[in-house]
């Protein structure tokens, strides 16, 4: 359960007053579990489409404020939940670059966790389309992206503003979406 240094920066974007948080595509649970430990008064939902990933996440949980769901993005969440914050490190690597990744990544990371489709934004845009019915007014989504992505790649819903934020290495790394 060791995230990349850049991925850890997602946690820094989450405001301390967030009470209801979702980590979509949680994998081993790094983001969601770290947020639950950092904000024990919050309720953190973690979800993934993979049973294997959820099994690993379940083993990593040591706090009581985490709820696990099997879900394809947000479709398996209770319909009445509106989140303060949604975070995600979904697959964002463009398909054509998968074969050029370092062998340590390409051979040992699940392909499902890497391939973001032709432009690397397929799943991210699917999640963005779900945000209007899942984020509270004033809510925030922090999504990890490929360093080649710009705002033009993403389909922002009405009533949302977006900005690309660089990581500590000065590469595009996150899209921050705010609901007005």
N, C-alpha and C. Protein backbone atom coordinates (compact mmCIF):
# COMPACT_ATOMS: atom_id res chain seq x y z
N UNK A 1 0.83 -1.18 0.00
CA UNK A 1 0.00 0.00 0.00
C UNK A 1 0.87 1.25 0.00
N UNK A 2 1.74 1.37 -0.98
CA UNK A 2 2.64 2.52 -1.08
C UNK A 2 2.32 3.28 -2.36
N UNK A 3 1.63 4.41 -2.25
CA UNK A 3 1.30 5.17 -3.46
C UNK A 3 2.52 5.91 -3.99
N UNK A 4 2.45 6.28 -5.25
CA UNK A 4 3.48 7.14 -5.82
C UNK A 4 3.43 8.48 -5.09
N UNK A 5 4.55 9.14 -5.03
CA UNK A 5 4.65 10.43 -4.34
C UNK A 5 3.60 11.40 -4.89
N UNK A 6 3.42 11.39 -6.21
CA UNK A 6 2.46 12.31 -6.81
C UNK A 6 1.03 12.01 -6.35
N UNK A 7 0.69 10.73 -6.24
CA UNK A 7 -0.66 10.34 -5.83
C UNK A 7 -0.96 10.82 -4.42
N UNK A 8 0.04 10.80 -3.56
CA UNK A 8 -0.15 11.27 -2.18
C UNK A 8 -0.62 12.71 -2.14
N UNK A 9 -0.29 13.49 -3.16
CA UNK A 9 -0.66 14.90 -3.18
C UNK A 9 -2.18 15.09 -3.27
N UNK A 10 -2.92 14.08 -3.71
CA UNK A 10 -4.38 14.18 -3.73
C UNK A 10 -4.89 14.45 -2.33
N UNK A 11 -4.32 13.77 -1.35
CA UNK A 11 -4.76 13.91 0.04
C UNK A 11 -4.60 15.35 0.51
N UNK A 12 -3.56 16.02 0.06
CA UNK A 12 -3.31 17.40 0.46
C UNK A 12 -4.38 18.35 -0.06
N UNK A 13 -5.12 17.96 -1.09
CA UNK A 13 -6.14 18.82 -1.69
C UNK A 13 -7.48 18.74 -0.96
N UNK A 14 -7.65 17.74 -0.10
CA UNK A 14 -8.94 17.52 0.56
C UNK A 14 -9.06 18.44 1.78
N UNK A 15 -10.12 19.25 1.83
CA UNK A 15 -10.28 20.17 2.97
C UNK A 15 -10.58 19.41 4.26
N UNK A 16 -10.09 19.95 5.37
CA UNK A 16 -10.23 19.30 6.68
C UNK A 16 -11.68 19.20 7.14
N UNK A 17 -12.57 20.02 6.59
CA UNK A 17 -13.96 19.99 7.04
C UNK A 17 -14.82 19.00 6.25
N UNK A 18 -14.24 18.23 5.37
CA UNK A 18 -15.00 17.24 4.59
C UNK A 18 -15.53 16.15 5.52
N UNK A 19 -16.81 15.89 5.43
CA UNK A 19 -17.44 14.88 6.29
C UNK A 19 -17.80 13.60 5.54
N UNK A 20 -18.04 13.72 4.24
CA UNK A 20 -18.41 12.56 3.43
C UNK A 20 -17.52 12.55 2.19
N UNK A 21 -16.68 11.51 2.10
CA UNK A 21 -15.66 11.43 1.07
C UNK A 21 -15.81 10.10 0.32
N UNK A 22 -15.58 10.12 -0.98
CA UNK A 22 -15.55 8.89 -1.77
C UNK A 22 -14.21 8.76 -2.46
N UNK A 23 -13.64 7.55 -2.42
CA UNK A 23 -12.44 7.21 -3.17
C UNK A 23 -12.87 6.19 -4.21
N UNK A 24 -12.99 6.62 -5.45
CA UNK A 24 -13.51 5.80 -6.54
C UNK A 24 -12.35 5.11 -7.26
N UNK A 25 -12.47 3.80 -7.46
CA UNK A 25 -11.37 3.04 -8.06
C UNK A 25 -10.23 2.90 -7.07
N UNK A 26 -10.56 2.51 -5.85
CA UNK A 26 -9.63 2.57 -4.73
C UNK A 26 -8.42 1.66 -4.84
N UNK A 27 -8.51 0.57 -5.59
CA UNK A 27 -7.39 -0.37 -5.64
C UNK A 27 -7.12 -0.93 -4.26
N UNK A 28 -5.90 -0.78 -3.77
CA UNK A 28 -5.55 -1.31 -2.45
C UNK A 28 -6.09 -0.46 -1.31
N UNK A 29 -6.68 0.68 -1.63
CA UNK A 29 -7.29 1.53 -0.61
C UNK A 29 -6.43 2.68 -0.13
N UNK A 30 -5.26 2.88 -0.75
CA UNK A 30 -4.31 3.90 -0.26
C UNK A 30 -4.96 5.25 0.03
N UNK A 31 -5.62 5.82 -0.97
CA UNK A 31 -6.16 7.17 -0.80
C UNK A 31 -7.26 7.20 0.26
N UNK A 32 -8.26 6.36 0.08
CA UNK A 32 -9.41 6.38 0.99
C UNK A 32 -9.04 6.08 2.43
N UNK A 33 -8.21 5.08 2.63
CA UNK A 33 -7.81 4.71 3.99
C UNK A 33 -6.96 5.82 4.61
N UNK A 34 -6.08 6.41 3.82
CA UNK A 34 -5.27 7.52 4.34
C UNK A 34 -6.16 8.70 4.73
N UNK A 35 -7.17 8.99 3.92
CA UNK A 35 -8.10 10.07 4.25
C UNK A 35 -8.90 9.74 5.51
N UNK A 36 -9.32 8.49 5.65
CA UNK A 36 -10.07 8.08 6.84
C UNK A 36 -9.22 8.23 8.10
N UNK A 37 -7.95 7.92 7.99
CA UNK A 37 -7.06 8.06 9.15
C UNK A 37 -6.76 9.53 9.44
N UNK A 38 -6.61 10.33 8.39
CA UNK A 38 -6.33 11.76 8.58
C UNK A 38 -7.55 12.51 9.14
N UNK A 39 -8.76 12.09 8.70
CA UNK A 39 -9.99 12.76 9.11
C UNK A 39 -10.93 11.74 9.78
N UNK A 40 -10.67 11.38 11.03
CA UNK A 40 -11.48 10.35 11.69
C UNK A 40 -12.95 10.72 11.88
N UNK A 41 -13.29 12.00 11.80
CA UNK A 41 -14.70 12.40 11.93
C UNK A 41 -15.45 12.25 10.60
N UNK A 42 -14.74 12.01 9.52
CA UNK A 42 -15.37 11.84 8.20
C UNK A 42 -15.76 10.39 8.00
N UNK A 43 -16.74 10.18 7.13
CA UNK A 43 -17.07 8.84 6.65
C UNK A 43 -16.51 8.74 5.24
N UNK A 44 -15.73 7.70 4.99
CA UNK A 44 -15.05 7.54 3.71
C UNK A 44 -15.54 6.25 3.05
N UNK A 45 -16.12 6.43 1.87
CA UNK A 45 -16.52 5.29 1.05
C UNK A 45 -15.37 4.99 0.09
N UNK A 46 -15.00 3.72 0.01
CA UNK A 46 -14.02 3.31 -0.99
C UNK A 46 -14.68 2.27 -1.89
N UNK A 47 -14.38 2.36 -3.17
CA UNK A 47 -15.02 1.44 -4.10
C UNK A 47 -14.09 1.05 -5.23
N UNK A 48 -14.38 -0.09 -5.80
CA UNK A 48 -13.64 -0.56 -6.97
C UNK A 48 -14.55 -1.54 -7.70
N UNK A 49 -14.23 -1.78 -8.96
CA UNK A 49 -14.97 -2.75 -9.77
C UNK A 49 -14.38 -4.15 -9.59
N UNK A 50 -13.15 -4.22 -9.06
CA UNK A 50 -12.42 -5.47 -8.92
C UNK A 50 -12.60 -6.09 -7.54
N UNK A 51 -13.09 -7.32 -7.51
CA UNK A 51 -13.21 -8.03 -6.23
C UNK A 51 -11.85 -8.23 -5.58
N UNK A 52 -10.84 -8.52 -6.40
CA UNK A 52 -9.49 -8.73 -5.87
C UNK A 52 -8.96 -7.46 -5.21
N UNK A 53 -9.16 -6.33 -5.86
CA UNK A 53 -8.72 -5.05 -5.26
C UNK A 53 -9.45 -4.79 -3.95
N UNK A 54 -10.74 -5.03 -3.92
CA UNK A 54 -11.51 -4.79 -2.69
C UNK A 54 -11.06 -5.72 -1.56
N UNK A 55 -10.68 -6.93 -1.90
CA UNK A 55 -10.18 -7.87 -0.89
C UNK A 55 -8.89 -7.33 -0.27
N UNK A 56 -8.01 -6.80 -1.10
CA UNK A 56 -6.75 -6.22 -0.60
C UNK A 56 -7.05 -4.99 0.24
N UNK A 57 -7.95 -4.13 -0.24
CA UNK A 57 -8.31 -2.92 0.52
C UNK A 57 -8.89 -3.30 1.88
N UNK A 58 -9.74 -4.30 1.91
CA UNK A 58 -10.36 -4.76 3.16
C UNK A 58 -9.28 -5.15 4.17
N UNK A 59 -8.22 -5.82 3.71
CA UNK A 59 -7.13 -6.23 4.60
C UNK A 59 -6.35 -5.03 5.14
N UNK A 60 -6.33 -3.94 4.38
CA UNK A 60 -5.55 -2.76 4.77
C UNK A 60 -6.28 -1.82 5.72
N UNK A 61 -7.58 -1.97 5.86
CA UNK A 61 -8.36 -1.04 6.69
C UNK A 61 -8.11 -1.30 8.17
N UNK A 62 -7.79 -0.22 8.88
CA UNK A 62 -7.61 -0.30 10.33
C UNK A 62 -8.44 0.73 11.07
N UNK A 63 -9.32 1.42 10.35
CA UNK A 63 -10.18 2.41 10.98
C UNK A 63 -11.64 2.00 10.79
N UNK A 64 -12.50 2.54 11.60
CA UNK A 64 -13.92 2.18 11.55
C UNK A 64 -14.75 3.09 10.65
N UNK A 65 -14.18 4.17 10.15
CA UNK A 65 -14.94 5.15 9.38
C UNK A 65 -14.83 4.93 7.87
N UNK A 66 -14.59 3.67 7.45
CA UNK A 66 -14.48 3.32 6.03
C UNK A 66 -15.60 2.35 5.67
N UNK A 67 -16.27 2.64 4.57
CA UNK A 67 -17.31 1.75 4.03
C UNK A 67 -16.86 1.30 2.65
N UNK A 68 -16.89 -0.02 2.42
CA UNK A 68 -16.43 -0.58 1.15
C UNK A 68 -17.63 -0.92 0.28
N UNK A 69 -17.53 -0.55 -1.00
CA UNK A 69 -18.57 -0.89 -1.98
C UNK A 69 -17.94 -1.45 -3.25
N UNK A 70 -18.59 -2.44 -3.83
CA UNK A 70 -18.21 -2.84 -5.18
C UNK A 70 -19.03 -1.95 -6.12
N UNK A 71 -18.34 -1.24 -6.99
CA UNK A 71 -19.04 -0.30 -7.84
C UNK A 71 -18.23 0.01 -9.09
N UNK A 72 -18.94 0.14 -10.19
CA UNK A 72 -18.37 0.66 -11.42
C UNK A 72 -18.50 2.18 -11.34
N UNK A 73 -17.39 2.83 -11.04
CA UNK A 73 -17.39 4.26 -10.74
C UNK A 73 -18.39 4.52 -9.63
N UNK A 74 -19.37 5.42 -9.83
CA UNK A 74 -20.32 5.74 -8.75
C UNK A 74 -21.67 5.04 -8.89
N UNK A 75 -21.80 4.17 -9.90
CA UNK A 75 -23.11 3.56 -10.18
C UNK A 75 -23.61 2.64 -9.07
N UNK A 76 -22.73 2.07 -8.24
CA UNK A 76 -23.15 1.16 -7.18
C UNK A 76 -23.34 1.83 -5.83
N UNK A 77 -23.21 3.14 -5.78
CA UNK A 77 -23.38 3.88 -4.51
C UNK A 77 -24.86 4.12 -4.26
N UNK A 78 -25.27 4.19 -2.99
CA UNK A 78 -26.65 4.56 -2.69
C UNK A 78 -26.99 5.90 -3.36
N UNK A 79 -28.16 5.98 -3.99
CA UNK A 79 -28.51 7.15 -4.80
C UNK A 79 -28.64 8.43 -4.00
N UNK A 80 -28.89 8.35 -2.71
CA UNK A 80 -29.11 9.55 -1.91
C UNK A 80 -27.82 10.18 -1.38
N UNK A 81 -26.67 9.58 -1.63
CA UNK A 81 -25.43 10.12 -1.09
C UNK A 81 -24.90 11.27 -1.94
N UNK A 82 -24.66 12.39 -1.28
CA UNK A 82 -23.99 13.53 -1.90
C UNK A 82 -22.72 13.78 -1.11
N UNK A 83 -21.60 13.77 -1.82
CA UNK A 83 -20.30 13.84 -1.18
C UNK A 83 -19.77 15.27 -1.12
N UNK A 84 -18.98 15.52 -0.07
CA UNK A 84 -18.22 16.77 0.02
C UNK A 84 -17.04 16.72 -0.93
N UNK A 85 -16.40 15.54 -0.99
CA UNK A 85 -15.21 15.36 -1.81
C UNK A 85 -15.24 13.98 -2.45
N UNK A 86 -14.85 13.93 -3.72
CA UNK A 86 -14.63 12.67 -4.43
C UNK A 86 -13.21 12.69 -4.96
N UNK A 87 -12.46 11.66 -4.64
CA UNK A 87 -11.09 11.53 -5.15
C UNK A 87 -11.02 10.26 -6.00
N UNK A 88 -10.09 10.27 -6.95
CA UNK A 88 -9.92 9.08 -7.78
C UNK A 88 -8.55 9.09 -8.44
N UNK A 89 -7.96 7.93 -8.47
CA UNK A 89 -6.75 7.68 -9.26
C UNK A 89 -7.12 6.55 -10.21
N UNK A 90 -7.92 6.90 -11.20
CA UNK A 90 -8.40 5.93 -12.19
C UNK A 90 -7.33 5.70 -13.25
N UNK A 91 -7.47 4.65 -14.04
CA UNK A 91 -6.52 4.45 -15.14
C UNK A 91 -6.51 5.68 -16.05
N UNK A 92 -5.32 6.22 -16.31
CA UNK A 92 -5.23 7.44 -17.12
C UNK A 92 -4.16 7.36 -18.21
N UNK A 93 -3.51 6.24 -18.35
CA UNK A 93 -2.45 6.13 -19.36
C UNK A 93 -3.09 5.83 -20.71
N UNK A 94 -2.77 6.62 -21.74
CA UNK A 94 -3.31 6.32 -23.07
C UNK A 94 -2.89 4.92 -23.52
N UNK A 95 -3.82 4.20 -24.11
CA UNK A 95 -3.62 2.79 -24.48
C UNK A 95 -2.32 2.56 -25.23
N UNK A 96 -2.00 3.42 -26.17
CA UNK A 96 -0.81 3.21 -27.01
C UNK A 96 0.50 3.31 -26.23
N UNK A 97 0.47 3.90 -25.03
CA UNK A 97 1.69 4.03 -24.22
C UNK A 97 1.91 2.86 -23.27
N UNK A 98 0.94 2.00 -23.09
CA UNK A 98 1.06 0.89 -22.13
C UNK A 98 2.28 0.04 -22.44
N UNK A 99 2.49 -0.28 -23.70
CA UNK A 99 3.61 -1.15 -24.08
C UNK A 99 4.97 -0.50 -23.82
N UNK A 100 5.00 0.81 -23.64
CA UNK A 100 6.27 1.52 -23.41
C UNK A 100 6.54 1.82 -21.94
N UNK A 101 5.66 1.38 -21.06
CA UNK A 101 5.88 1.60 -19.64
C UNK A 101 7.06 0.77 -19.15
N UNK A 102 7.62 1.18 -18.04
CA UNK A 102 8.68 0.40 -17.43
C UNK A 102 8.19 -1.02 -17.16
N UNK A 103 9.06 -1.99 -17.35
CA UNK A 103 8.69 -3.40 -17.16
C UNK A 103 8.13 -3.64 -15.76
N UNK A 104 8.69 -2.97 -14.76
CA UNK A 104 8.22 -3.15 -13.38
C UNK A 104 6.75 -2.76 -13.23
N UNK A 105 6.31 -1.82 -14.03
CA UNK A 105 4.90 -1.40 -14.00
C UNK A 105 4.08 -2.29 -14.91
N UNK A 106 4.52 -2.42 -16.14
CA UNK A 106 3.77 -3.16 -17.17
C UNK A 106 3.53 -4.61 -16.78
N UNK A 107 4.49 -5.25 -16.14
CA UNK A 107 4.38 -6.68 -15.83
C UNK A 107 3.65 -6.97 -14.52
N UNK A 108 3.65 -6.02 -13.59
CA UNK A 108 3.13 -6.33 -12.26
C UNK A 108 1.88 -5.56 -11.86
N UNK A 109 1.59 -4.47 -12.54
CA UNK A 109 0.35 -3.74 -12.26
C UNK A 109 -0.76 -4.32 -13.12
N UNK A 110 -1.97 -4.47 -12.57
CA UNK A 110 -3.07 -4.97 -13.40
C UNK A 110 -3.34 -4.02 -14.57
N UNK A 111 -3.49 -4.60 -15.75
CA UNK A 111 -3.77 -3.80 -16.96
C UNK A 111 -5.01 -2.93 -16.75
N UNK A 112 -6.00 -3.47 -16.06
CA UNK A 112 -7.24 -2.75 -15.76
C UNK A 112 -6.96 -1.45 -15.00
N UNK A 113 -5.89 -1.43 -14.22
CA UNK A 113 -5.56 -0.25 -13.42
C UNK A 113 -4.70 0.77 -14.17
N UNK A 114 -4.30 0.45 -15.39
CA UNK A 114 -3.40 1.33 -16.14
C UNK A 114 -4.05 1.98 -17.35
N UNK A 115 -4.76 1.19 -18.14
CA UNK A 115 -5.23 1.62 -19.47
C UNK A 115 -6.43 2.55 -19.36
N UNK A 116 -6.19 3.82 -19.71
CA UNK A 116 -7.24 4.84 -19.66
C UNK A 116 -7.95 5.06 -20.98
N UNK A 117 -7.76 4.14 -21.94
CA UNK A 117 -8.42 4.29 -23.23
C UNK A 117 -7.56 5.08 -24.19
N UNK A 118 -8.07 5.36 -25.40
CA UNK A 118 -7.27 5.99 -26.45
C UNK A 118 -6.55 7.27 -26.03
N UNK A 119 -7.24 8.15 -25.30
CA UNK A 119 -6.59 9.40 -24.89
C UNK A 119 -6.25 9.41 -23.39
N UNK A 120 -6.52 8.31 -22.71
CA UNK A 120 -6.24 8.22 -21.29
C UNK A 120 -7.30 8.83 -20.40
N UNK A 121 -8.37 9.34 -20.99
CA UNK A 121 -9.38 10.05 -20.19
C UNK A 121 -10.75 9.36 -20.21
N UNK A 122 -10.84 8.16 -20.74
CA UNK A 122 -12.14 7.50 -20.90
C UNK A 122 -12.87 7.36 -19.57
N UNK A 123 -12.26 6.69 -18.60
CA UNK A 123 -12.92 6.48 -17.31
C UNK A 123 -13.06 7.77 -16.52
N UNK A 124 -12.09 8.65 -16.63
CA UNK A 124 -12.16 9.92 -15.92
C UNK A 124 -13.37 10.71 -16.40
N UNK A 125 -13.59 10.76 -17.72
CA UNK A 125 -14.76 11.47 -18.25
C UNK A 125 -16.06 10.79 -17.85
N UNK A 126 -16.07 9.47 -17.77
CA UNK A 126 -17.28 8.78 -17.31
C UNK A 126 -17.60 9.18 -15.87
N UNK A 127 -16.56 9.26 -15.03
CA UNK A 127 -16.77 9.68 -13.65
C UNK A 127 -17.23 11.14 -13.59
N UNK A 128 -16.61 12.00 -14.38
CA UNK A 128 -16.98 13.42 -14.39
C UNK A 128 -18.46 13.59 -14.74
N UNK A 129 -18.97 12.79 -15.66
CA UNK A 129 -20.39 12.87 -16.03
C UNK A 129 -21.31 12.53 -14.86
N UNK A 130 -20.82 11.74 -13.91
CA UNK A 130 -21.63 11.34 -12.75
C UNK A 130 -21.58 12.35 -11.61
N UNK A 131 -20.63 13.27 -11.66
CA UNK A 131 -20.43 14.21 -10.54
C UNK A 131 -21.63 15.10 -10.23
N UNK A 132 -22.39 15.60 -11.22
CA UNK A 132 -23.50 16.49 -10.86
C UNK A 132 -24.53 15.87 -9.93
N UNK A 133 -24.68 14.57 -9.95
CA UNK A 133 -25.66 13.93 -9.07
C UNK A 133 -25.02 13.34 -7.82
N UNK A 134 -23.70 13.53 -7.65
CA UNK A 134 -23.00 12.91 -6.52
C UNK A 134 -22.22 13.86 -5.64
N UNK A 135 -22.00 15.10 -6.11
CA UNK A 135 -21.28 16.09 -5.30
C UNK A 135 -22.25 17.14 -4.77
N UNK A 136 -22.08 17.50 -3.51
CA UNK A 136 -22.86 18.58 -2.91
C UNK A 136 -22.51 19.90 -3.60
N UNK A 137 -23.41 20.87 -3.58
CA UNK A 137 -23.01 22.21 -4.02
C UNK A 137 -21.80 22.66 -3.19
N UNK A 138 -20.80 23.18 -3.86
CA UNK A 138 -19.56 23.54 -3.19
C UNK A 138 -18.59 22.37 -3.06
N UNK A 139 -19.03 21.19 -3.53
CA UNK A 139 -18.19 19.99 -3.43
C UNK A 139 -17.00 20.03 -4.37
N UNK A 140 -16.07 19.14 -4.11
CA UNK A 140 -14.80 19.12 -4.80
C UNK A 140 -14.49 17.71 -5.28
N UNK A 141 -13.96 17.61 -6.50
CA UNK A 141 -13.43 16.33 -7.00
C UNK A 141 -11.97 16.55 -7.35
N UNK A 142 -11.13 15.63 -6.91
CA UNK A 142 -9.70 15.68 -7.18
C UNK A 142 -9.34 14.37 -7.88
N UNK A 143 -8.99 14.46 -9.16
CA UNK A 143 -8.75 13.28 -9.97
C UNK A 143 -7.35 13.31 -10.54
N UNK A 144 -6.63 12.20 -10.39
CA UNK A 144 -5.29 12.14 -10.96
C UNK A 144 -5.40 11.94 -12.47
N UNK A 145 -4.51 12.61 -13.21
CA UNK A 145 -4.54 12.56 -14.67
C UNK A 145 -3.13 12.32 -15.22
N UNK A 146 -3.05 12.06 -16.51
CA UNK A 146 -1.77 11.90 -17.18
C UNK A 146 -1.13 13.26 -17.37
N UNK A 147 0.19 13.30 -17.37
CA UNK A 147 0.86 14.60 -17.49
C UNK A 147 0.70 15.25 -18.86
N UNK A 148 0.16 14.52 -19.84
CA UNK A 148 -0.12 15.11 -21.15
C UNK A 148 -1.51 15.73 -21.24
N UNK A 149 -2.34 15.49 -20.25
CA UNK A 149 -3.72 16.00 -20.28
C UNK A 149 -3.79 17.50 -20.04
N UNK A 150 -4.74 18.11 -20.73
CA UNK A 150 -5.10 19.51 -20.50
C UNK A 150 -6.60 19.54 -20.24
N UNK A 151 -7.14 20.69 -19.88
CA UNK A 151 -8.58 20.79 -19.62
C UNK A 151 -9.42 20.40 -20.84
N UNK A 152 -8.87 20.58 -22.05
CA UNK A 152 -9.61 20.30 -23.27
C UNK A 152 -10.01 18.83 -23.40
N UNK A 153 -9.32 17.94 -22.73
CA UNK A 153 -9.58 16.49 -22.82
C UNK A 153 -10.82 16.11 -22.02
N UNK A 154 -11.22 16.95 -21.08
CA UNK A 154 -12.28 16.59 -20.14
C UNK A 154 -13.59 17.30 -20.46
N UNK A 155 -14.68 16.59 -20.24
CA UNK A 155 -16.03 17.10 -20.50
C UNK A 155 -16.62 17.63 -19.20
N UNK A 156 -16.41 18.90 -18.92
CA UNK A 156 -16.88 19.47 -17.66
C UNK A 156 -18.38 19.75 -17.73
N UNK A 157 -19.11 19.29 -16.71
CA UNK A 157 -20.55 19.57 -16.67
C UNK A 157 -20.81 21.04 -16.37
N UNK A 158 -22.02 21.49 -16.73
CA UNK A 158 -22.44 22.84 -16.33
C UNK A 158 -22.41 22.90 -14.82
N UNK A 159 -22.19 24.06 -14.29
CA UNK A 159 -22.10 24.33 -12.86
C UNK A 159 -20.81 23.79 -12.23
N UNK A 160 -19.86 23.39 -13.06
CA UNK A 160 -18.56 22.96 -12.55
C UNK A 160 -17.46 23.81 -13.15
N UNK A 161 -16.50 24.16 -12.30
CA UNK A 161 -15.28 24.79 -12.80
C UNK A 161 -14.16 23.78 -12.66
N UNK A 162 -13.16 23.91 -13.51
CA UNK A 162 -12.06 22.97 -13.45
C UNK A 162 -10.72 23.65 -13.65
N UNK A 163 -9.72 23.09 -13.03
CA UNK A 163 -8.36 23.56 -13.24
C UNK A 163 -7.41 22.38 -13.18
N UNK A 164 -6.34 22.48 -13.93
CA UNK A 164 -5.28 21.48 -13.89
C UNK A 164 -4.26 21.95 -12.87
N UNK A 165 -3.87 21.06 -11.99
CA UNK A 165 -2.88 21.38 -10.97
C UNK A 165 -1.63 20.53 -11.22
N UNK A 166 -0.50 21.16 -11.10
CA UNK A 166 0.77 20.46 -11.30
C UNK A 166 1.19 19.76 -10.00
N UNK A 167 1.97 18.70 -10.15
CA UNK A 167 2.51 18.02 -8.98
C UNK A 167 3.82 18.68 -8.56
N UNK A 168 4.46 18.13 -7.57
CA UNK A 168 5.69 18.74 -7.06
C UNK A 168 6.85 18.68 -8.05
N UNK A 169 6.66 17.91 -9.13
CA UNK A 169 7.68 17.84 -10.18
C UNK A 169 7.33 18.73 -11.37
N UNK A 170 6.31 19.59 -11.16
CA UNK A 170 5.86 20.56 -12.17
C UNK A 170 5.27 19.92 -13.42
N UNK A 171 4.65 18.74 -13.25
CA UNK A 171 3.94 18.09 -14.35
C UNK A 171 2.44 18.16 -14.07
N UNK A 172 1.65 18.32 -15.14
CA UNK A 172 0.21 18.24 -14.97
C UNK A 172 -0.10 16.91 -14.30
N UNK A 173 -0.89 16.93 -13.19
CA UNK A 173 -1.13 15.68 -12.46
C UNK A 173 -2.56 15.53 -11.97
N UNK A 174 -3.26 16.64 -11.76
CA UNK A 174 -4.61 16.55 -11.20
C UNK A 174 -5.56 17.48 -11.94
N UNK A 175 -6.79 17.04 -12.05
CA UNK A 175 -7.85 17.96 -12.43
C UNK A 175 -8.66 18.17 -11.15
N UNK A 176 -8.86 19.43 -10.81
CA UNK A 176 -9.63 19.80 -9.63
C UNK A 176 -10.94 20.38 -10.14
N UNK A 177 -12.04 19.76 -9.76
CA UNK A 177 -13.35 20.21 -10.20
C UNK A 177 -14.15 20.69 -9.00
N UNK A 178 -14.77 21.85 -9.14
CA UNK A 178 -15.58 22.42 -8.05
C UNK A 178 -16.99 22.62 -8.57
N UNK A 179 -17.94 22.20 -7.76
CA UNK A 179 -19.34 22.42 -8.09
C UNK A 179 -19.80 23.72 -7.47
N UNK A 180 -20.41 24.59 -8.28
CA UNK A 180 -20.87 25.89 -7.75
C UNK A 180 -22.21 25.72 -7.05
